[in-house]
Amino acid sequence: MGEHLSAAPNDKAQLVVGVASIDPAHRQATAVLVDSGFMSEAAVAQVEAPVAGQPPKTVYGAVTRERHHRTLAQLEAQEKEPAPLPPEASAQEKMAHRLATPAGRKLYALRKQTVEPVFGIIKETMGFRRFSLRGEAKAAREWTLVCLAYNMKRLHRLAQNAASQGQIAARWA
């Protein structure tokens, strides 16, 4: 999602706002990956509603919490397509089924390498654990600066890696 700040105590009402906060240049994405805190039937329906000029979006959101340590039987069962849903299935059952498919699991697993590390780096590496400024508007500006600092740090690191790869490639040429 894009960078935004909310004073809401939970994320239930933040799915639509979060998707809207994405830079228009990146709104061509078709999959929206969210954790269980963002899940509400109304928000999912609103995000998945067709928007002129944009590809349709599909929300993949956790509806249950899965334990990290699974048995061999559970891992083998994950490889199979789940049984088809009955027509009267609830929205929660439909979302659980969507995530139970191999394609859904593969997409949702991307959160581990795209979204979650960002929060860990901001908290642990950059040391940002609480806001210094008070008031929602000031805190939002502070969060924008934190996100900008993270992005600049990331771009610098990528440039360093590209430069070192170029040097290595030049030595072997």
C-alpha atoms as a PDB file:
ATOM      1  CA  MET A   1       0.000   0.000   0.000  1.00  0.00           C
ATOM      2  CA  GLY A   2       0.971   3.576  -0.149  1.00  0.00           C
ATOM      3  CA  GLU A   3       2.201   5.556   2.801  1.00  0.00           C
ATOM      4  CA  HIS A   4      -0.550   6.945   5.028  1.00  0.00           C
ATOM      5  CA  LEU A   5      -1.258   7.380   8.705  1.00  0.00           C
ATOM      6  CA  SER A   6      -4.443   6.770  10.651  1.00  0.00           C
ATOM      7  CA  ALA A   7      -5.527   7.283  14.231  1.00  0.00           C
ATOM      8  CA  ALA A   8      -7.924   4.321  13.974  1.00  0.00           C
ATOM      9  CA  PRO A   9      -7.398   1.684  16.689  1.00  0.00           C
ATOM     10  CA  ASN A  10      -7.521  -1.142  14.105  1.00  0.00           C
ATOM     11  CA  ASP A  11      -7.096  -1.484  10.347  1.00  0.00           C
ATOM     12  CA  LYS A  12     -10.638  -2.619   9.440  1.00  0.00           C
ATOM     13  CA  ALA A  13     -11.472   0.717   7.776  1.00  0.00           C
ATOM     14  CA  GLN A  14      -8.013   1.217   6.255  1.00  0.00           C
ATOM     15  CA  LEU A  15      -8.098  -1.134   3.253  1.00  0.00           C
ATOM     16  CA  VAL A  16      -9.817   1.287   0.865  1.00  0.00           C
ATOM     17  CA  VAL A  17      -7.780   4.250   2.145  1.00  0.00           C
ATOM     18  CA  GLY A  18      -4.556   2.260   1.860  1.00  0.00           C
ATOM     19  CA  VAL A  19      -5.216   1.178  -1.721  1.00  0.00           C
ATOM     20  CA  ALA A  20      -6.177   4.754  -2.624  1.00  0.00           C
ATOM     21  CA  SER A  21      -2.879   6.004  -1.161  1.00  0.00           C
ATOM     22  CA  ILE A  22      -0.852   4.048  -3.725  1.00  0.00           C
ATOM     23  CA  ASP A  23       0.871   6.260  -6.257  1.00  0.00           C
ATOM     24  CA  PRO A  24      -1.215   6.339  -9.475  1.00  0.00           C
ATOM     25  CA  ALA A  25       1.808   5.113 -11.451  1.00  0.00           C
ATOM     26  CA  HIS A  26       1.647   1.839  -9.488  1.00  0.00           C
ATOM     27  CA  ARG A  27      -2.119   1.278  -9.401  1.00  0.00           C
ATOM     28  CA  GLN A  28      -1.898  -1.216 -12.253  1.00  0.00           C
ATOM     29  CA  ALA A  29      -1.304  -4.011  -9.732  1.00  0.00           C
ATOM     30  CA  THR A  30      -4.036  -6.628  -9.786  1.00  0.00           C
ATOM     31  CA  ALA A  31      -3.426  -8.369  -6.434  1.00  0.00           C
ATOM     32  CA  VAL A  32      -3.857  -6.666  -3.061  1.00  0.00           C
ATOM     33  CA  LEU A  33      -2.227  -8.621  -0.224  1.00  0.00           C
ATOM     34  CA  VAL A  34      -3.399  -7.764   3.295  1.00  0.00           C
ATOM     35  CA  ASP A  35      -3.287  -9.309   6.724  1.00  0.00           C
ATOM     36  CA  SER A  36      -6.366 -10.214   8.730  1.00  0.00           C
ATOM     37  CA  GLY A  37      -6.551  -6.795  10.381  1.00  0.00           C
ATOM     38  CA  PHE A  38      -7.670  -5.199   7.098  1.00  0.00           C
ATOM     39  CA  MET A  39     -10.373  -7.726   6.310  1.00  0.00           C
ATOM     40  CA  SER A  40     -13.964  -6.591   6.107  1.00  0.00           C
ATOM     41  CA  GLU A  41     -16.498  -7.746   3.538  1.00  0.00           C
ATOM     42  CA  ALA A  42     -17.499  -4.191   2.592  1.00  0.00           C
ATOM     43  CA  ALA A  43     -13.898  -3.006   2.122  1.00  0.00           C
ATOM     44  CA  VAL A  44     -12.983  -6.022  -0.016  1.00  0.00           C
ATOM     45  CA  ALA A  45     -16.054  -5.472  -2.196  1.00  0.00           C
ATOM     46  CA  GLN A  46     -15.171  -1.793  -2.612  1.00  0.00           C
ATOM     47  CA  VAL A  47     -11.543  -2.510  -3.590  1.00  0.00           C
ATOM     48  CA  GLU A  48     -12.576  -5.282  -5.992  1.00  0.00           C
ATOM     49  CA  ALA A  49     -15.261  -3.121  -7.640  1.00  0.00           C
ATOM     50  CA  PRO A  50     -14.365  -2.239 -11.251  1.00  0.00           C
ATOM     51  CA  VAL A  51     -12.699   1.156 -11.796  1.00  0.00           C
ATOM     52  CA  ALA A  52     -12.558   2.658 -15.281  1.00  0.00           C
ATOM     53  CA  GLY A  53      -9.048   2.702 -16.700  1.00  0.00           C
ATOM     54  CA  GLN A  54      -7.626   0.271 -14.140  1.00  0.00           C
ATOM     55  CA  PRO A  55      -7.301  -3.507 -14.236  1.00  0.00           C
ATOM     56  CA  PRO A  56      -9.582  -5.394 -11.826  1.00  0.00           C
ATOM     57  CA  LYS A  57      -8.100  -5.989  -8.388  1.00  0.00           C
ATOM     58  CA  THR A  58      -8.344  -9.137  -6.292  1.00  0.00           C
ATOM     59  CA  VAL A  59      -7.842  -8.963  -2.535  1.00  0.00           C
ATOM     60  CA  TYR A  60      -5.962 -11.784  -0.836  1.00  0.00           C
ATOM     61  CA  GLY A  61      -6.424 -11.440   2.899  1.00  0.00           C
ATOM     62  CA  ALA A  62      -5.872 -13.786   5.787  1.00  0.00           C
ATOM     63  CA  VAL A  63      -9.028 -14.727   7.649  1.00  0.00           C
ATOM     64  CA  THR A  64      -7.393 -17.124  10.090  1.00  0.00           C
ATOM     65  CA  ARG A  65      -4.056 -17.302  11.792  1.00  0.00           C
ATOM     66  CA  GLU A  66      -1.921 -20.263  10.811  1.00  0.00           C
ATOM     67  CA  ARG A  67       0.743 -21.725  13.028  1.00  0.00           C
ATOM     68  CA  HIS A  68       4.311 -21.631  11.756  1.00  0.00           C
ATOM     69  CA  HIS A  69       5.162 -25.255  12.499  1.00  0.00           C
ATOM     70  CA  ARG A  70       3.099 -27.580  10.337  1.00  0.00           C
ATOM     71  CA  THR A  71       3.092 -31.355  10.085  1.00  0.00           C
ATOM     72  CA  LEU A  72       4.133 -33.180   6.945  1.00  0.00           C
ATOM     73  CA  ALA A  73       0.481 -34.096   6.289  1.00  0.00           C
ATOM     74  CA  GLN A  74      -0.515 -30.405   6.442  1.00  0.00           C
ATOM     75  CA  LEU A  75       2.265 -29.453   4.021  1.00  0.00           C
ATOM     76  CA  GLU A  76       1.252 -32.201   1.581  1.00  0.00           C
ATOM     77  CA  ALA A  77      -2.384 -31.079   1.755  1.00  0.00           C
ATOM     78  CA  GLN A  78      -1.314 -27.560   0.756  1.00  0.00           C
ATOM     79  CA  GLU A  79      -0.135 -28.798  -2.635  1.00  0.00           C
ATOM     80  CA  LYS A  80      -3.649 -29.834  -3.657  1.00  0.00           C
ATOM     81  CA  GLU A  81      -6.435 -27.635  -4.979  1.00  0.00           C
ATOM     82  CA  PRO A  82      -9.118 -27.139  -2.322  1.00  0.00           C
ATOM     83  CA  ALA A  83     -12.579 -28.563  -2.891  1.00  0.00           C
ATOM     84  CA  PRO A  84     -14.934 -26.191  -4.737  1.00  0.00           C
ATOM     85  CA  LEU A  85     -17.046 -23.885  -2.621  1.00  0.00           C
ATOM     86  CA  PRO A  86     -20.808 -24.223  -2.405  1.00  0.00           C
ATOM     87  CA  PRO A  87     -22.737 -21.335  -4.007  1.00  0.00           C
ATOM     88  CA  GLU A  88     -24.013 -20.146  -0.615  1.00  0.00           C
ATOM     89  CA  ALA A  89     -20.483 -19.722   0.817  1.00  0.00           C
ATOM     90  CA  SER A  90     -19.912 -16.637   2.968  1.00  0.00           C
ATOM     91  CA  ALA A  91     -17.420 -13.906   2.060  1.00  0.00           C
ATOM     92  CA  GLN A  92     -15.053 -15.223   4.737  1.00  0.00           C
ATOM     93  CA  GLU A  93     -15.259 -18.756   3.327  1.00  0.00           C
ATOM     94  CA  LYS A  94     -14.605 -17.411  -0.192  1.00  0.00           C
ATOM     95  CA  MET A  95     -11.527 -15.531   1.006  1.00  0.00           C
ATOM     96  CA  ALA A  96     -10.224 -18.582   2.885  1.00  0.00           C
ATOM     97  CA  HIS A  97     -10.728 -20.658  -0.275  1.00  0.00           C
ATOM     98  CA  ARG A  98      -8.931 -18.027  -2.382  1.00  0.00           C
ATOM     99  CA  LEU A  99      -5.916 -18.265  -0.067  1.00  0.00           C
ATOM    100  CA  ALA A 100      -6.058 -22.064   0.068  1.00  0.00           C
ATOM    101  CA  THR A 101      -5.351 -22.407  -3.659  1.00  0.00           C
ATOM    102  CA  PRO A 102      -1.700 -22.886  -4.656  1.00  0.00           C
ATOM    103  CA  ALA A 103      -1.806 -19.601  -6.616  1.00  0.00           C
ATOM    104  CA  GLY A 104      -3.298 -17.754  -3.627  1.00  0.00           C
ATOM    105  CA  ARG A 105      -0.704 -19.161  -1.222  1.00  0.00           C
ATOM    106  CA  LYS A 106       2.105 -18.241  -3.598  1.00  0.00           C
ATOM    107  CA  LEU A 107       0.847 -14.668  -3.950  1.00  0.00           C
ATOM    108  CA  TYR A 108       0.188 -14.194  -0.241  1.00  0.00           C
ATOM    109  CA  ALA A 109       3.674 -15.493   0.591  1.00  0.00           C
ATOM    110  CA  LEU A 110       5.083 -12.439  -1.199  1.00  0.00           C
ATOM    111  CA  ARG A 111       4.156 -10.363   1.856  1.00  0.00           C
ATOM    112  CA  LYS A 112       7.060 -11.999   3.704  1.00  0.00           C
ATOM    113  CA  GLN A 113       9.571 -10.480   1.297  1.00  0.00           C
ATOM    114  CA  THR A 114       7.898  -7.220   0.305  1.00  0.00           C
ATOM    115  CA  VAL A 115       5.949  -5.652   3.162  1.00  0.00           C
ATOM    116  CA  GLU A 116       7.027  -7.223   6.421  1.00  0.00           C
ATOM    117  CA  PRO A 117      10.791  -6.541   6.084  1.00  0.00           C
ATOM    118  CA  VAL A 118      10.089  -2.837   5.597  1.00  0.00           C
ATOM    119  CA  PHE A 119       8.485  -2.549   9.031  1.00  0.00           C
ATOM    120  CA  GLY A 120      11.298  -4.546  10.608  1.00  0.00           C
ATOM    121  CA  ILE A 121      13.963  -2.336   9.014  1.00  0.00           C
ATOM    122  CA  ILE A 122      12.170   0.866  10.005  1.00  0.00           C
ATOM    123  CA  LYS A 123      11.833  -0.323  13.601  1.00  0.00           C
ATOM    124  CA  GLU A 124      15.121  -2.148  14.173  1.00  0.00           C
ATOM    125  CA  THR A 125      17.689  -0.711  11.758  1.00  0.00           C
ATOM    126  CA  MET A 126      16.418   2.855  11.597  1.00  0.00           C
ATOM    127  CA  GLY A 127      15.297   2.843  15.247  1.00  0.00           C
ATOM    128  CA  PHE A 128      11.874   4.403  14.622  1.00  0.00           C
ATOM    129  CA  ARG A 129       9.569   3.120  17.347  1.00  0.00           C
ATOM    130  CA  ARG A 130       7.407   6.120  18.225  1.00  0.00           C
ATOM    131  CA  PHE A 131       6.437   9.489  16.900  1.00  0.00           C
ATOM    132  CA  SER A 132       8.140  12.591  18.263  1.00  0.00           C
ATOM    133  CA  LEU A 133       5.521  15.043  17.034  1.00  0.00           C
ATOM    134  CA  ARG A 134       1.973  15.295  18.364  1.00  0.00           C
ATOM    135  CA  GLY A 135      -1.195  15.715  16.371  1.00  0.00           C
ATOM    136  CA  GLU A 136      -2.323  13.653  13.413  1.00  0.00           C
ATOM    137  CA  ALA A 137      -1.124  16.125  10.754  1.00  0.00           C
ATOM    138  CA  LYS A 138       2.361  16.432  12.291  1.00  0.00           C
ATOM    139  CA  ALA A 139       2.637  12.681  12.847  1.00  0.00           C
ATOM    140  CA  ALA A 140       1.614  12.107   9.216  1.00  0.00           C
ATOM    141  CA  ARG A 141       4.431  14.394   8.057  1.00  0.00           C
ATOM    142  CA  GLU A 142       6.863  12.580  10.345  1.00  0.00           C
ATOM    143  CA  TRP A 143       5.751   9.225   8.912  1.00  0.00           C
ATOM    144  CA  THR A 144       6.243  10.591   5.383  1.00  0.00           C
ATOM    145  CA  LEU A 145       9.815  11.531   6.336  1.00  0.00           C
ATOM    146  CA  VAL A 146      10.439   8.069   7.801  1.00  0.00           C
ATOM    147  CA  CYS A 147       9.161   6.444   4.595  1.00  0.00           C
ATOM    148  CA  LEU A 148      11.257   8.815   2.481  1.00  0.00           C
ATOM    149  CA  ALA A 149      14.346   7.994   4.567  1.00  0.00           C
ATOM    150  CA  TYR A 150      13.680   4.262   4.148  1.00  0.00           C
ATOM    151  CA  ASN A 151      13.277   4.651   0.374  1.00  0.00           C
ATOM    152  CA  MET A 152      16.458   6.733   0.075  1.00  0.00           C
ATOM    153  CA  LYS A 153      18.360   4.147   2.134  1.00  0.00           C
ATOM    154  CA  ARG A 154      17.014   1.371  -0.080  1.00  0.00           C
ATOM    155  CA  LEU A 155      17.852   3.216  -3.318  1.00  0.00           C
ATOM    156  CA  HIS A 156      21.384   3.895  -2.059  1.00  0.00           C
ATOM    157  CA  ARG A 157      21.842   0.211  -1.221  1.00  0.00           C
ATOM    158  CA  LEU A 158      20.533  -0.885  -4.624  1.00  0.00           C
ATOM    159  CA  ALA A 159      22.875   1.587  -6.359  1.00  0.00           C
ATOM    160  CA  GLN A 160      25.823   0.220  -4.371  1.00  0.00           C
ATOM    161  CA  ASN A 161      24.917  -3.344  -5.333  1.00  0.00           C
ATOM    162  CA  ALA A 162      24.523  -2.405  -9.000  1.00  0.00           C
ATOM    163  CA  ALA A 163      27.895  -0.624  -8.972  1.00  0.00           C
ATOM    164  CA  SER A 164      29.659  -3.578  -7.362  1.00  0.00           C
ATOM    165  CA  GLN A 165      28.025  -5.991  -9.826  1.00  0.00           C
ATOM    166  CA  GLY A 166      29.242  -3.784 -12.679  1.00  0.00           C
ATOM    167  CA  GLN A 167      32.768  -3.833 -11.276  1.00  0.00           C
ATOM    168  CA  ILE A 168      32.694  -7.602 -10.940  1.00  0.00           C
ATOM    169  CA  ALA A 169      31.336  -8.000 -14.473  1.00  0.00           C
ATOM    170  CA  ALA A 170      34.045  -5.645 -15.842  1.00  0.00           C
ATOM    171  CA  ARG A 171      36.783  -7.773 -14.229  1.00  0.00           C
ATOM    172  CA  TRP A 172      35.517 -10.950 -15.910  1.00  0.00           C
ATOM    173  CA  ALA A 173      35.064  -9.352 -19.367  1.00  0.00           C
END
